[in-house]
Amino acid sequence: MLSLPPAADESASSEVDWLFLDLNSFFASVEQQENPALRGKPVAVVPVMTDATCAIAASAQAKQFGIKTGTNIGEARHKCPDLQLVLARHDIYVEYHHKIIQEVERHYPVNAVCSIDEMALRLDKRRRPLPAAIDLSKRIKAGLRRTMGECITCSIGLAPNRFLAKVASDMQKPDGLVFLTAADLPGRLLDLELRDLPGIGRRMEPRLHAVGIRTMRELWEASREDMHHAWGGVVGDRFWMALHGEPSEDEPEQDPKSIGHSHVLSPELRKPPQAAIVLRRLLLKAASRLRRSNHRATEMRVSLRMEDGLRGEASQRFPAVNDSLALTDVMRRLWESVMQQTRWQRVKKVAVTLSGLESLTQPQQLDLFARGEDSRQRRESLSRVLDDINKKHGRDSIVIGFTPDTVRTFSGSKIAFNRIPDREEFKE
């Protein structure tokens, strides 16, 4: 569906620079595409099958009952007794994600993957005129329906910069196509609420109220200095520029600052010995990611949350390494420290983070003794061999330490707001 602003001019002089694509109810739509019995029904995707958890995704039909990401399942069942619960399958969503990118790039290159269900395309001179941009959008939509299936739909926004293109993509769901040209501003923006804009959440909105900004018109008419003051720095300047249609700047690709995994344990894995095995599994996955990204770590942090809410945390710095044997030794010491803090109670959640990352492409500080450096190289080589064996023959073909079947059944990988797991992670 194409939505035209009242003052829109479809002449070639009306141009947009960005196309923003937002997949509709992505996880739930994938489940409906995979299982025809779920199509047309209210669906909630959940991390565990219990009414105590929250939805991590809801289908378009479920959203009509007020069910959305974060809704408690017990509350959701009260709103919609016919709600269908589906256990999350992150590996399937990642596969769909890559196939969708492949289909979109049949029509035009993707400039930035913003999340598992969002991507941005910076248009060239030929596709900036509005009719050409609209035609490209329609071809992408048709391509997704043809190659991915009837349930995989998207909303597309077209605008002078990436921020406004994202705003436009949110203005009509599902399956929308909305454009905002420079001539249309502020135009239909004035119909929005402050919280409709990316970057304005429950914490930012009161700060805007404090400087006298309560409506979209007041936000639009605010000066750049007002924005700077409200945000407390240059973020406010950037927001003002984005809101007023200033060109987007490409964000440089940055090295990761940390690599880690966390997991909420099922009841049968909450005794300390079983929880320690899960934590080791998460560490080995993080170590494999560390090697795959060609980094070494210099610090590890282990944190736990117990069933009664008590928390414990310990960290340690060490010479740069990425081999699993050395990292496992560090984890063992940190585990003992945290368990002493928490009095060896039952564990609800475990987390491990590797930080202080150093790229292998940068000069490395070698051990003062050649034999020590040679030992590190041998351990790293051994760890990479273990990675290759598990990749070729399947997860847990060879492991460090004992791993019971109850732990072998989960990959430990899940999709986070700011990170899409690599395909390899579901095999590690």
Protein backbone atom coordinates (compact mmCIF):
# COMPACT_ATOMS: atom_id res chain seq x y z
CA MET A 1 0.00 0.00 0.00
CA LEU A 2 1.37 3.42 -0.97
CA SER A 3 0.71 6.38 1.28
CA LEU A 4 1.00 9.83 -0.29
CA PRO A 5 1.43 12.94 1.87
CA PRO A 6 -1.18 15.56 1.00
CA ALA A 7 1.41 17.96 -0.41
CA ALA A 8 3.45 15.29 -2.22
CA ASP A 9 4.84 16.17 -5.64
CA GLU A 10 5.52 13.10 -7.80
CA SER A 11 7.57 15.04 -10.34
CA ALA A 12 11.18 14.02 -10.99
CA SER A 13 12.30 17.06 -8.97
CA SER A 14 11.03 15.43 -5.77
CA GLU A 15 13.86 13.26 -4.53
CA VAL A 16 14.69 10.94 -1.63
CA ASP A 17 18.11 9.67 -0.66
CA TRP A 18 17.28 6.69 1.57
CA LEU A 19 15.05 3.63 1.52
CA PHE A 20 14.42 2.03 4.93
CA LEU A 21 12.93 -1.47 5.04
CA ASP A 22 11.27 -2.83 8.20
CA LEU A 23 10.04 -6.44 8.16
CA ASN A 24 6.59 -6.77 9.71
CA SER A 25 6.26 -8.90 12.89
CA PHE A 26 9.34 -10.74 11.66
CA PHE A 27 9.74 -13.69 14.06
CA ALA A 28 6.00 -14.39 14.15
CA SER A 29 5.70 -13.99 10.37
CA VAL A 30 8.51 -16.52 9.84
CA GLU A 31 6.69 -18.99 12.09
CA GLN A 32 3.48 -18.45 10.11
CA GLN A 33 5.35 -18.94 6.84
CA GLU A 34 6.93 -22.15 8.15
CA ASN A 35 3.65 -23.50 9.57
CA PRO A 36 0.53 -22.81 7.44
CA ALA A 37 -1.68 -23.83 10.39
CA LEU A 38 -0.61 -20.59 12.14
CA ARG A 39 -1.49 -18.27 9.27
CA GLY A 40 -4.19 -15.73 10.02
CA LYS A 41 -4.07 -16.57 13.74
CA PRO A 42 -2.77 -14.58 16.72
CA VAL A 43 0.75 -15.86 17.45
CA ALA A 44 3.25 -14.98 20.17
CA VAL A 45 6.87 -16.14 19.97
CA VAL A 46 8.26 -16.95 23.43
CA PRO A 47 11.68 -17.92 24.88
CA VAL A 48 10.16 -20.64 27.11
CA MET A 49 6.75 -22.29 27.27
CA THR A 50 5.35 -20.72 30.42
CA ASP A 51 2.77 -18.04 31.20
CA ALA A 52 5.37 -16.33 33.40
CA THR A 53 7.49 -15.26 30.42
CA CYS A 54 7.00 -12.39 27.96
CA ALA A 55 6.43 -12.33 24.22
CA ILE A 56 9.53 -11.60 22.17
CA ALA A 57 7.38 -11.14 19.04
CA ALA A 58 3.71 -11.00 18.13
CA SER A 59 1.92 -11.53 14.83
CA ALA A 60 -0.18 -8.81 13.22
CA GLN A 61 -3.30 -10.65 14.40
CA ALA A 62 -2.02 -10.74 18.00
CA LYS A 63 -1.21 -7.04 17.90
CA GLN A 64 -4.90 -6.34 17.24
CA PHE A 65 -5.54 -7.58 20.80
CA GLY A 66 -2.89 -5.24 22.23
CA ILE A 67 -0.25 -7.97 22.46
CA LYS A 68 3.26 -6.81 21.58
CA THR A 69 6.91 -7.47 22.37
CA GLY A 70 7.30 -7.52 26.14
CA THR A 71 3.68 -8.42 26.94
CA ASN A 72 3.39 -10.96 29.76
CA ILE A 73 2.00 -14.22 28.37
CA GLY A 74 -0.46 -14.70 31.23
CA GLU A 75 -1.84 -11.23 30.47
CA ALA A 76 -1.76 -11.95 26.73
CA ARG A 77 -3.84 -15.14 27.18
CA HIS A 78 -6.39 -13.11 29.11
CA LYS A 79 -6.63 -10.63 26.23
CA CYS A 80 -6.72 -13.37 23.60
CA PRO A 81 -7.68 -16.90 24.77
CA ASP A 82 -6.96 -18.27 21.27
CA LEU A 83 -3.36 -17.04 21.31
CA GLN A 84 -0.93 -19.56 19.80
CA LEU A 85 2.47 -19.82 21.54
CA VAL A 86 5.54 -20.77 19.52
CA LEU A 87 8.97 -21.44 21.00
CA ALA A 88 11.58 -19.11 19.47
CA ARG A 89 13.90 -20.60 16.84
CA HIS A 90 16.67 -18.02 16.42
CA ASP A 91 18.59 -20.11 13.90
CA ILE A 92 15.60 -20.11 11.52
CA TYR A 93 15.18 -16.33 11.85
CA VAL A 94 18.86 -15.76 11.04
CA GLU A 95 18.55 -17.98 7.92
CA TYR A 96 15.50 -16.00 6.74
CA HIS A 97 17.37 -12.76 7.49
CA HIS A 98 20.24 -13.68 5.17
CA LYS A 99 17.89 -14.90 2.42
CA ILE A 100 15.92 -11.66 2.64
CA ILE A 101 19.10 -9.60 2.29
CA GLN A 102 20.02 -11.72 -0.73
CA GLU A 103 16.64 -11.02 -2.32
CA VAL A 104 16.78 -7.26 -1.58
CA GLU A 105 20.26 -7.07 -3.10
CA ARG A 106 18.93 -8.59 -6.32
CA HIS A 107 17.27 -5.19 -6.73
CA TYR A 108 19.69 -2.80 -4.98
CA PRO A 109 22.69 -3.01 -2.57
CA VAL A 110 21.99 -2.81 1.16
CA ASN A 111 23.98 0.00 2.72
CA ALA A 112 23.41 -0.90 6.39
CA VAL A 113 21.87 -3.83 8.25
CA CYS A 114 20.35 -2.07 11.26
CA SER A 115 18.92 -5.12 13.04
CA ILE A 116 17.56 -8.60 12.32
CA ASP A 117 14.45 -7.05 10.71
CA GLU A 118 15.65 -3.65 9.48
CA MET A 119 17.95 -2.49 6.71
CA ALA A 120 18.74 0.77 4.95
CA LEU A 121 19.57 1.45 1.29
CA ARG A 122 21.31 4.64 0.21
CA LEU A 123 19.97 5.47 -3.24
CA ASP A 124 22.10 6.55 -6.18
CA LYS A 125 21.34 9.46 -8.51
CA ARG A 126 19.27 7.32 -10.85
CA ARG A 127 16.95 6.09 -8.09
CA ARG A 128 16.59 9.28 -6.05
CA PRO A 129 13.70 10.74 -8.13
CA LEU A 130 10.52 9.76 -6.31
CA PRO A 131 8.94 7.69 -9.12
CA ALA A 132 12.13 5.61 -9.42
CA ALA A 133 12.36 5.11 -5.65
CA ILE A 134 8.72 4.04 -5.46
CA ASP A 135 9.23 1.61 -8.34
CA LEU A 136 12.27 0.10 -6.59
CA SER A 137 10.26 -0.26 -3.36
CA LYS A 138 7.43 -2.08 -5.14
CA ARG A 139 9.88 -4.43 -6.88
CA ILE A 140 11.52 -5.29 -3.53
CA LYS A 141 8.13 -6.01 -1.98
CA ALA A 142 7.09 -8.21 -4.89
CA GLY A 143 10.43 -10.02 -4.80
CA LEU A 144 10.04 -10.84 -1.10
CA ARG A 145 6.55 -12.22 -1.65
CA ARG A 146 7.77 -14.32 -4.56
CA THR A 147 10.91 -15.79 -2.99
CA MET A 148 10.17 -15.75 0.77
CA GLY A 149 6.43 -16.40 0.84
CA GLU A 150 3.13 -14.66 1.41
CA CYS A 151 3.66 -14.09 5.15
CA ILE A 152 6.93 -12.15 4.79
CA THR A 153 5.90 -8.53 4.29
CA CYS A 154 7.69 -5.26 4.96
CA SER A 155 6.99 -1.58 5.45
CA ILE A 156 9.20 0.78 3.47
CA GLY A 157 9.98 4.43 4.15
CA LEU A 158 11.57 6.84 1.66
CA ALA A 159 13.10 10.13 2.84
CA PRO A 160 16.03 12.57 2.52
CA ASN A 161 17.98 10.81 5.32
CA ARG A 162 18.06 7.48 7.10
CA PHE A 163 16.38 8.75 10.27
CA LEU A 164 13.35 10.13 8.45
CA ALA A 165 13.17 7.04 6.22
CA LYS A 166 12.87 4.91 9.38
CA VAL A 167 10.20 7.25 10.73
CA ALA A 168 8.30 6.92 7.44
CA SER A 169 8.54 3.11 7.55
CA ASP A 170 6.78 3.15 10.95
CA MET A 171 3.91 5.33 9.75
CA GLN A 172 2.00 2.59 7.97
CA LYS A 173 2.05 -1.06 9.08
CA PRO A 174 1.84 -3.74 7.93
CA ASP A 175 2.99 -3.72 4.31
CA GLY A 176 3.19 0.07 4.00
CA LEU A 177 5.05 2.36 1.61
CA VAL A 178 5.37 5.95 2.81
CA PHE A 179 7.58 8.74 1.50
CA LEU A 180 8.61 12.08 2.96
CA THR A 181 10.41 14.58 0.73
CA ALA A 182 12.09 17.77 1.92
CA ALA A 183 9.12 19.74 0.60
CA ASP A 184 6.75 17.70 2.80
CA LEU A 185 8.45 18.61 6.09
CA PRO A 186 7.15 19.01 8.70
CA GLY A 187 3.92 17.87 7.00
CA ARG A 188 2.74 14.53 8.32
CA LEU A 189 5.35 14.52 11.08
CA LEU A 190 3.03 16.84 13.00
CA ASP A 191 0.49 14.01 13.36
CA LEU A 192 2.99 11.92 15.34
CA GLU A 193 3.62 11.71 19.07
CA LEU A 194 7.09 12.41 20.46
CA ARG A 195 7.52 8.73 21.39
CA ASP A 196 6.91 7.75 17.75
CA LEU A 197 10.39 9.00 16.86
CA PRO A 198 13.51 6.82 17.24
CA GLY A 199 15.63 8.13 20.08
CA ILE A 200 12.72 9.41 22.19
CA GLY A 201 11.75 6.87 24.82
CA ARG A 202 10.33 6.88 28.32
CA ARG A 203 13.49 8.46 29.72
CA MET A 204 14.01 11.08 27.02
CA GLU A 205 10.43 12.32 26.82
CA PRO A 206 10.42 13.87 30.34
CA ARG A 207 13.65 15.70 29.53
CA LEU A 208 11.97 17.25 26.50
CA HIS A 209 8.97 18.20 28.65
CA ALA A 210 11.38 19.92 31.04
CA VAL A 211 12.50 22.31 28.28
CA GLY A 212 8.93 22.99 27.14
CA ILE A 213 8.68 20.47 24.28
CA ARG A 214 5.50 18.38 24.47
CA THR A 215 4.25 18.15 20.90
CA MET A 216 5.75 17.40 17.49
CA ARG A 217 5.22 21.00 16.41
CA GLU A 218 7.13 22.26 19.43
CA LEU A 219 9.88 19.73 18.67
CA TRP A 220 10.06 20.86 15.05
CA GLU A 221 10.19 24.54 16.00
CA ALA A 222 12.80 24.03 18.74
CA SER A 223 16.24 25.45 17.98
CA ARG A 224 19.35 23.37 17.62
CA GLU A 225 20.56 24.85 20.90
CA ASP A 226 17.35 23.68 22.61
CA MET A 227 17.99 20.15 21.36
CA HIS A 228 21.61 20.29 22.49
CA HIS A 229 20.46 21.29 25.97
CA ALA A 230 17.70 18.65 26.14
CA TRP A 231 20.03 15.80 25.18
CA GLY A 232 22.95 17.21 27.10
CA GLY A 233 25.40 17.23 24.20
CA VAL A 234 26.04 16.72 20.50
CA VAL A 235 23.45 13.93 20.29
CA GLY A 236 20.84 16.68 20.41
CA ASP A 237 22.53 18.53 17.55
CA ARG A 238 22.51 15.35 15.46
CA PHE A 239 18.85 14.73 16.27
CA TRP A 240 17.93 18.27 15.16
CA MET A 241 19.82 17.81 11.88
CA ALA A 242 18.21 14.41 11.22
CA LEU A 243 14.71 15.67 12.02
CA HIS A 244 15.13 18.60 9.61
CA GLY A 245 16.29 16.42 6.73
CA GLU A 246 20.04 17.02 6.81
CA PRO A 247 22.01 14.32 4.92
CA SER A 248 22.94 11.14 6.80
CA GLU A 249 26.56 10.32 7.42
CA ASP A 250 27.83 6.78 6.89
CA GLU A 251 28.75 5.19 10.19
CA PRO A 252 32.27 3.71 10.18
CA GLU A 253 32.52 0.00 10.89
CA GLN A 254 34.01 -0.51 14.33
CA ASP A 255 35.78 -3.39 16.01
CA PRO A 256 33.66 -5.11 18.67
CA LYS A 257 34.24 -3.83 22.20
CA SER A 258 33.24 -7.10 23.84
CA ILE A 259 31.96 -10.59 23.07
CA GLY A 260 29.70 -12.47 25.42
CA HIS A 261 26.71 -14.72 25.99
CA SER A 262 24.06 -15.08 28.68
CA HIS A 263 21.37 -17.67 29.32
CA VAL A 264 18.35 -18.05 31.60
CA LEU A 265 18.53 -21.60 32.93
CA SER A 266 15.69 -24.08 32.86
CA PRO A 267 14.85 -25.46 36.35
CA GLU A 268 16.75 -28.74 35.85
CA LEU A 269 20.00 -26.83 35.17
CA ARG A 270 19.92 -24.45 38.16
CA LYS A 271 21.99 -26.46 40.61
CA PRO A 272 25.54 -24.99 40.72
CA PRO A 273 27.31 -27.98 39.04
CA GLN A 274 24.91 -27.93 36.07
CA ALA A 275 24.95 -24.12 35.88
CA ALA A 276 28.76 -24.20 35.71
CA ILE A 277 28.59 -26.52 32.70
CA VAL A 278 26.22 -24.15 30.91
CA LEU A 279 28.51 -21.22 31.70
CA ARG A 280 31.49 -23.13 30.28
CA ARG A 281 29.49 -23.86 27.13
CA LEU A 282 28.74 -20.13 26.73
CA LEU A 283 32.41 -19.29 27.26
CA LEU A 284 33.51 -21.76 24.57
CA LYS A 285 31.04 -20.19 22.13
CA ALA A 286 32.37 -16.72 22.98
CA ALA A 287 35.96 -17.95 22.53
CA SER A 288 35.09 -19.39 19.12
CA ARG A 289 33.55 -16.05 18.09
CA LEU A 290 36.67 -14.30 19.39
CA ARG A 291 38.90 -16.40 17.12
CA ARG A 292 36.56 -16.06 14.15
CA SER A 293 36.76 -12.25 14.46
CA ASN A 294 40.58 -12.42 14.75
CA HIS A 295 40.76 -10.92 18.22
CA ARG A 296 42.26 -11.73 21.59
CA ALA A 297 40.71 -10.76 24.93
CA THR A 298 42.43 -9.27 27.97
CA GLU A 299 39.56 -9.37 30.48
CA MET A 300 36.72 -11.71 31.45
CA ARG A 301 33.64 -10.98 33.55
CA VAL A 302 31.33 -13.65 34.97
CA SER A 303 27.97 -12.62 36.42
CA LEU A 304 25.17 -14.68 37.95
CA ARG A 305 21.62 -14.06 39.10
CA MET A 306 20.23 -16.49 41.63
CA GLU A 307 16.65 -17.72 41.98
CA ASP A 308 16.07 -15.40 44.97
CA GLY A 309 17.30 -12.35 43.01
CA LEU A 310 20.76 -12.19 44.58
CA ARG A 311 23.48 -11.21 42.09
CA GLY A 312 27.19 -11.89 41.99
CA GLU A 313 29.97 -10.77 39.66
CA ALA A 314 33.73 -11.17 39.33
CA SER A 315 36.27 -10.14 36.68
CA GLN A 316 39.94 -10.69 35.92
CA ARG A 317 42.49 -9.14 33.56
CA PHE A 318 45.17 -11.25 31.87
CA PRO A 319 47.65 -11.18 28.95
CA ALA A 320 45.87 -11.20 25.56
CA VAL A 321 44.63 -14.70 24.64
CA ASN A 322 41.89 -16.35 22.61
CA ASP A 323 42.47 -20.04 23.25
CA SER A 324 39.75 -22.02 25.00
CA LEU A 325 42.04 -23.78 27.50
CA ALA A 326 43.44 -20.57 29.00
CA LEU A 327 40.03 -18.89 29.06
CA THR A 328 38.45 -21.92 30.74
CA ASP A 329 41.05 -21.71 33.52
CA VAL A 330 40.17 -18.05 34.10
CA MET A 331 36.46 -18.84 34.12
CA ARG A 332 36.94 -21.58 36.72
CA ARG A 333 38.55 -19.12 39.15
CA LEU A 334 35.86 -16.49 38.57
CA TRP A 335 33.11 -19.08 39.05
CA GLU A 336 34.48 -20.02 42.46
CA SER A 337 34.63 -16.35 43.46
CA VAL A 338 31.07 -15.58 42.38
CA MET A 339 29.62 -18.71 43.98
CA GLN A 340 31.25 -17.77 47.29
CA GLN A 341 29.57 -14.35 47.02
CA THR A 342 26.17 -15.97 46.41
CA ARG A 343 26.58 -18.81 48.95
CA TRP A 344 26.27 -21.59 46.37
CA GLN A 345 22.54 -21.06 45.86
CA ARG A 346 20.53 -22.19 42.83
CA VAL A 347 21.38 -20.14 39.74
CA LYS A 348 18.72 -18.61 37.47
CA LYS A 349 20.91 -16.82 34.91
CA VAL A 350 24.58 -17.05 33.88
CA ALA A 351 26.58 -14.62 31.75
CA VAL A 352 30.17 -14.36 30.56
CA THR A 353 31.77 -11.43 28.73
CA LEU A 354 35.20 -11.16 27.09
CA SER A 355 36.43 -7.58 26.76
CA GLY A 356 39.57 -5.51 26.25
CA LEU A 357 39.73 -6.94 22.75
CA GLU A 358 42.92 -6.64 20.68
CA SER A 359 42.91 -7.24 16.94
CA LEU A 360 45.33 -9.85 15.62
CA THR A 361 46.13 -7.43 12.77
CA GLN A 362 47.74 -5.06 15.28
CA PRO A 363 51.26 -5.59 16.67
CA GLN A 364 51.10 -7.97 19.63
CA GLN A 365 53.14 -7.64 22.80
CA LEU A 366 55.04 -10.91 22.99
CA ASP A 367 55.95 -12.87 26.12
CA LEU A 368 59.43 -12.10 27.45
CA PHE A 369 60.24 -15.79 27.17
CA ALA A 370 60.01 -17.37 23.73
CA ARG A 371 58.73 -20.64 25.14
CA GLY A 372 55.75 -18.84 26.72
CA GLU A 373 54.80 -17.21 23.43
CA ASP A 374 55.28 -20.49 21.58
CA SER A 375 52.96 -22.17 24.08
CA ARG A 376 50.28 -19.54 23.46
CA GLN A 377 50.52 -20.05 19.71
CA ARG A 378 50.19 -23.82 20.10
CA ARG A 379 47.11 -23.46 22.34
CA GLU A 380 45.49 -21.06 19.88
CA SER A 381 46.21 -23.43 16.99
CA LEU A 382 44.68 -26.30 18.95
CA SER A 383 41.56 -24.24 19.67
CA ARG A 384 41.13 -23.44 15.98
CA VAL A 385 41.43 -27.16 15.18
CA LEU A 386 38.61 -27.85 17.67
CA ASP A 387 36.52 -25.15 15.96
CA ASP A 388 37.08 -26.78 12.56
CA ILE A 389 36.16 -30.26 13.83
CA ASN A 390 32.90 -29.05 15.37
CA LYS A 391 32.05 -27.04 12.27
CA LYS A 392 32.62 -30.06 10.03
CA HIS A 393 31.10 -32.82 12.16
CA GLY A 394 28.51 -30.95 14.20
CA ARG A 395 28.21 -29.15 17.50
CA ASP A 396 29.89 -30.86 20.47
CA SER A 397 31.70 -33.42 18.30
CA ILE A 398 34.65 -32.57 20.52
CA VAL A 399 34.42 -30.55 23.73
CA ILE A 400 36.52 -29.39 26.66
CA GLY A 401 35.17 -31.16 29.72
CA PHE A 402 31.97 -33.19 30.14
CA THR A 403 28.77 -31.85 28.55
CA PRO A 404 25.54 -33.69 29.44
CA ASP A 405 22.78 -34.19 26.87
CA THR A 406 20.56 -31.60 28.60
CA VAL A 407 23.13 -28.92 27.78
CA ARG A 408 23.96 -30.20 24.30
CA THR A 409 20.40 -29.48 23.17
CA PHE A 410 20.74 -25.67 23.19
CA SER A 411 23.06 -23.52 21.11
CA GLY A 412 23.22 -20.59 23.52
CA SER A 413 22.79 -18.17 20.61
CA LYS A 414 19.94 -15.71 20.44
CA ILE A 415 19.19 -12.55 18.53
CA ALA A 416 19.76 -9.36 20.51
CA PHE A 417 18.63 -5.84 19.66
CA ASN A 418 22.09 -4.80 18.48
CA ARG A 419 23.56 -8.11 17.28
CA ILE A 420 22.66 -10.75 14.73
CA PRO A 421 24.36 -14.09 15.43
CA ASP A 422 26.54 -15.57 12.71
CA ARG A 423 25.22 -18.77 11.15
CA GLU A 424 28.27 -20.58 12.54
CA GLU A 425 27.23 -19.82 16.12
CA PHE A 426 24.29 -22.24 15.94
CA LYS A 427 26.76 -25.02 15.09
CA GLU A 428 29.21 -24.26 17.92
